[in-house]
Amino acid sequence: MKVAILACKNIKDESCFGCHRCLTAFDKREGEFKRYKDNPDFRLRAILHCGGCPGMAPVNRLANLKTWMAPLGETIDVIHIGTCLTKNCPYKDSILAKVKEKAGVEVIEGTHSYMPPTIFGT
């Protein structure tokens, strides 16, 4: 089974530093990836962004991913909507609706749960 993560363009690689937390959560099967804990056959195949505000191209970008993967005989079986998008995006509802309408696979909201409860508190 192949997994893709749809992230926020404004956060991905800008403040999230290479999507480290999504990758770590996937490898450790934590957060929303805990559902794969007993299934070693799940593989992360893509982290892509929404296309920028106001969620201009998530469906187009997923279609491009499908085209890009086709020569390798691969596809996506489940899409996770990144924590960056689910927790911060004012266009989240619109993006989720577009992706869920067109994806044709399960769409799961969230990736990791590594958000600190406060910035300076302990």
C-alpha atoms as a PDB file:
ATOM      1  CA  MET A   1       0.000   0.000   0.000  1.00  0.00           C
ATOM      2  CA  LYS A   2       1.278   3.427  -0.959  1.00  0.00           C
ATOM      3  CA  VAL A   3       0.733   6.651   0.994  1.00  0.00           C
ATOM      4  CA  ALA A   4       0.903  10.290  -0.113  1.00  0.00           C
ATOM      5  CA  ILE A   5       0.884  13.329   2.157  1.00  0.00           C
ATOM      6  CA  LEU A   6      -0.710  16.564   0.992  1.00  0.00           C
ATOM      7  CA  ALA A   7       0.899  19.474   2.848  1.00  0.00           C
ATOM      8  CA  CYS A   8       0.551  23.257   3.004  1.00  0.00           C
ATOM      9  CA  LYS A   9       2.740  25.027   0.452  1.00  0.00           C
ATOM     10  CA  ASN A  10       3.361  27.962   2.783  1.00  0.00           C
ATOM     11  CA  ILE A  11       4.605  25.722   5.587  1.00  0.00           C
ATOM     12  CA  LYS A  12       6.231  22.808   3.730  1.00  0.00           C
ATOM     13  CA  ASP A  13       9.994  23.294   3.616  1.00  0.00           C
ATOM     14  CA  GLU A  14       9.687  26.854   4.932  1.00  0.00           C
ATOM     15  CA  SER A  15       8.945  26.443   8.626  1.00  0.00           C
ATOM     16  CA  CYS A  16       8.597  22.668   8.738  1.00  0.00           C
ATOM     17  CA  PHE A  17      12.157  21.939   7.617  1.00  0.00           C
ATOM     18  CA  GLY A  18      11.758  19.195   5.060  1.00  0.00           C
ATOM     19  CA  CYS A  19       8.593  17.725   6.568  1.00  0.00           C
ATOM     20  CA  HIS A  20      10.738  16.049   9.209  1.00  0.00           C
ATOM     21  CA  ARG A  21       7.871  15.462  11.622  1.00  0.00           C
ATOM     22  CA  CYS A  22       5.648  13.785   9.005  1.00  0.00           C
ATOM     23  CA  LEU A  23       8.521  11.530   7.960  1.00  0.00           C
ATOM     24  CA  THR A  24       9.400  10.672  11.550  1.00  0.00           C
ATOM     25  CA  ALA A  25       5.786   9.917  12.456  1.00  0.00           C
ATOM     26  CA  PHE A  26       5.445   7.688   9.397  1.00  0.00           C
ATOM     27  CA  ASP A  27       8.642   5.771  10.199  1.00  0.00           C
ATOM     28  CA  LYS A  28       7.647   5.330  13.855  1.00  0.00           C
ATOM     29  CA  ARG A  29       3.976   4.699  12.969  1.00  0.00           C
ATOM     30  CA  GLU A  30       2.835   7.441  15.343  1.00  0.00           C
ATOM     31  CA  GLY A  31       0.088  10.042  15.103  1.00  0.00           C
ATOM     32  CA  GLU A  32      -2.362   9.275  12.316  1.00  0.00           C
ATOM     33  CA  PHE A  33       0.103   6.705  10.944  1.00  0.00           C
ATOM     34  CA  LYS A  34      -0.394   4.413  13.946  1.00  0.00           C
ATOM     35  CA  ARG A  35      -3.088   2.676  11.895  1.00  0.00           C
ATOM     36  CA  TYR A  36      -0.241   1.092   9.878  1.00  0.00           C
ATOM     37  CA  LYS A  37       1.703  -0.154  12.916  1.00  0.00           C
ATOM     38  CA  ASP A  38       1.029  -3.817  12.169  1.00  0.00           C
ATOM     39  CA  ASN A  39       1.364  -3.465   8.404  1.00  0.00           C
ATOM     40  CA  PRO A  40       4.972  -3.162   7.208  1.00  0.00           C
ATOM     41  CA  ASP A  41       3.797  -3.042   3.580  1.00  0.00           C
ATOM     42  CA  PHE A  42       2.692   0.591   3.799  1.00  0.00           C
ATOM     43  CA  ARG A  43       5.186   2.829   1.996  1.00  0.00           C
ATOM     44  CA  LEU A  44       5.382   6.610   1.820  1.00  0.00           C
ATOM     45  CA  ARG A  45       5.619   7.574  -1.845  1.00  0.00           C
ATOM     46  CA  ALA A  46       5.052  11.334  -1.952  1.00  0.00           C
ATOM     47  CA  ILE A  47       4.835  14.541  -0.003  1.00  0.00           C
ATOM     48  CA  LEU A  48       3.327  17.247  -2.138  1.00  0.00           C
ATOM     49  CA  HIS A  49       1.755  20.608  -1.438  1.00  0.00           C
ATOM     50  CA  CYS A  50      -1.661  22.078  -2.143  1.00  0.00           C
ATOM     51  CA  GLY A  51      -0.500  24.532  -4.804  1.00  0.00           C
ATOM     52  CA  GLY A  52      -0.666  27.590  -2.577  1.00  0.00           C
ATOM     53  CA  CYS A  53      -3.428  29.769  -1.203  1.00  0.00           C
ATOM     54  CA  PRO A  54      -6.326  29.567  -1.534  1.00  0.00           C
ATOM     55  CA  GLY A  55      -5.775  25.855  -2.175  1.00  0.00           C
ATOM     56  CA  MET A  56      -5.406  26.466  -5.887  1.00  0.00           C
ATOM     57  CA  ALA A  57      -4.314  23.091  -7.180  1.00  0.00           C
ATOM     58  CA  PRO A  58      -4.459  20.104  -4.823  1.00  0.00           C
ATOM     59  CA  VAL A  59      -6.450  17.997  -7.300  1.00  0.00           C
ATOM     60  CA  ASN A  60      -4.218  18.980 -10.234  1.00  0.00           C
ATOM     61  CA  ARG A  61      -1.105  18.177  -8.240  1.00  0.00           C
ATOM     62  CA  LEU A  62      -2.513  14.759  -7.253  1.00  0.00           C
ATOM     63  CA  ALA A  63      -3.368  14.097 -10.921  1.00  0.00           C
ATOM     64  CA  ASN A  64       0.209  15.033 -11.867  1.00  0.00           C
ATOM     65  CA  LEU A  65       1.512  12.663  -9.203  1.00  0.00           C
ATOM     66  CA  LYS A  66      -0.576   9.847 -10.691  1.00  0.00           C
ATOM     67  CA  THR A  67       0.870  10.574 -14.144  1.00  0.00           C
ATOM     68  CA  TRP A  68       4.402  10.727 -12.726  1.00  0.00           C
ATOM     69  CA  MET A  69       3.983   7.378 -10.917  1.00  0.00           C
ATOM     70  CA  ALA A  70       2.331   5.491 -13.805  1.00  0.00           C
ATOM     71  CA  PRO A  71       5.527   4.560 -15.712  1.00  0.00           C
ATOM     72  CA  LEU A  72       6.814   2.929 -12.525  1.00  0.00           C
ATOM     73  CA  GLY A  73       3.637   0.891 -12.126  1.00  0.00           C
ATOM     74  CA  GLU A  74       2.775   2.610  -8.839  1.00  0.00           C
ATOM     75  CA  THR A  75      -0.255   4.417  -7.507  1.00  0.00           C
ATOM     76  CA  ILE A  76      -1.471   5.939  -4.261  1.00  0.00           C
ATOM     77  CA  ASP A  77      -3.807   3.967  -1.997  1.00  0.00           C
ATOM     78  CA  VAL A  78      -4.376   6.538   0.765  1.00  0.00           C
ATOM     79  CA  ILE A  79      -3.819  10.283   1.135  1.00  0.00           C
ATOM     80  CA  HIS A  80      -3.013  11.927   4.455  1.00  0.00           C
ATOM     81  CA  ILE A  81      -3.712  15.631   4.785  1.00  0.00           C
ATOM     82  CA  GLY A  82      -0.713  17.058   6.625  1.00  0.00           C
ATOM     83  CA  THR A  83      -0.988  18.416  10.134  1.00  0.00           C
ATOM     84  CA  CYS A  84       0.350  21.711   8.758  1.00  0.00           C
ATOM     85  CA  LEU A  85      -2.741  21.994   6.587  1.00  0.00           C
ATOM     86  CA  THR A  86      -5.322  20.603   9.015  1.00  0.00           C
ATOM     87  CA  LYS A  87      -4.176  22.801  11.925  1.00  0.00           C
ATOM     88  CA  ASN A  88      -3.295  26.054  10.131  1.00  0.00           C
ATOM     89  CA  CYS A  89      -5.009  26.478   6.777  1.00  0.00           C
ATOM     90  CA  PRO A  90      -7.993  28.839   6.508  1.00  0.00           C
ATOM     91  CA  TYR A  91      -8.924  26.996   3.264  1.00  0.00           C
ATOM     92  CA  LYS A  92      -8.788  23.546   4.840  1.00  0.00           C
ATOM     93  CA  ASP A  93     -12.470  22.744   4.369  1.00  0.00           C
ATOM     94  CA  SER A  94     -12.399  23.637   0.687  1.00  0.00           C
ATOM     95  CA  ILE A  95      -9.200  21.664   0.076  1.00  0.00           C
ATOM     96  CA  LEU A  96     -10.534  18.628   1.929  1.00  0.00           C
ATOM     97  CA  ALA A  97     -13.794  18.732  -0.028  1.00  0.00           C
ATOM     98  CA  LYS A  98     -11.941  18.922  -3.370  1.00  0.00           C
ATOM     99  CA  VAL A  99      -9.552  16.107  -2.510  1.00  0.00           C
ATOM    100  CA  LYS A 100     -12.231  13.826  -1.049  1.00  0.00           C
ATOM    101  CA  GLU A 101     -14.432  14.375  -4.104  1.00  0.00           C
ATOM    102  CA  LYS A 102     -11.754  13.494  -6.646  1.00  0.00           C
ATOM    103  CA  ALA A 103      -9.142  11.268  -4.972  1.00  0.00           C
ATOM    104  CA  GLY A 104     -10.947   7.948  -5.305  1.00  0.00           C
ATOM    105  CA  VAL A 105      -9.004   6.648  -2.294  1.00  0.00           C
ATOM    106  CA  GLU A 106      -9.283   7.084   1.457  1.00  0.00           C
ATOM    107  CA  VAL A 107      -8.390  10.588   2.660  1.00  0.00           C
ATOM    108  CA  ILE A 108      -7.237  10.883   6.281  1.00  0.00           C
ATOM    109  CA  GLU A 109      -6.961  14.190   8.117  1.00  0.00           C
ATOM    110  CA  GLY A 110      -3.639  14.553   9.916  1.00  0.00           C
ATOM    111  CA  THR A 111      -0.176  13.092  10.043  1.00  0.00           C
ATOM    112  CA  HIS A 112       1.820  13.654  13.257  1.00  0.00           C
ATOM    113  CA  SER A 113       0.908  14.782  16.752  1.00  0.00           C
ATOM    114  CA  TYR A 114       4.203  16.436  17.639  1.00  0.00           C
ATOM    115  CA  MET A 115       2.810  19.955  18.138  1.00  0.00           C
ATOM    116  CA  PRO A 116       4.064  21.518  21.381  1.00  0.00           C
ATOM    117  CA  PRO A 117       1.272  22.630  23.750  1.00  0.00           C
ATOM    118  CA  THR A 118       3.006  25.999  24.267  1.00  0.00           C
ATOM    119  CA  ILE A 119       5.916  27.808  22.695  1.00  0.00           C
ATOM    120  CA  PHE A 120       7.952  28.778  25.754  1.00  0.00           C
ATOM    121  CA  GLY A 121       6.277  26.760  28.479  1.00  0.00           C
ATOM    122  CA  THR A 122       7.553  23.428  29.694  1.00  0.00           C
END
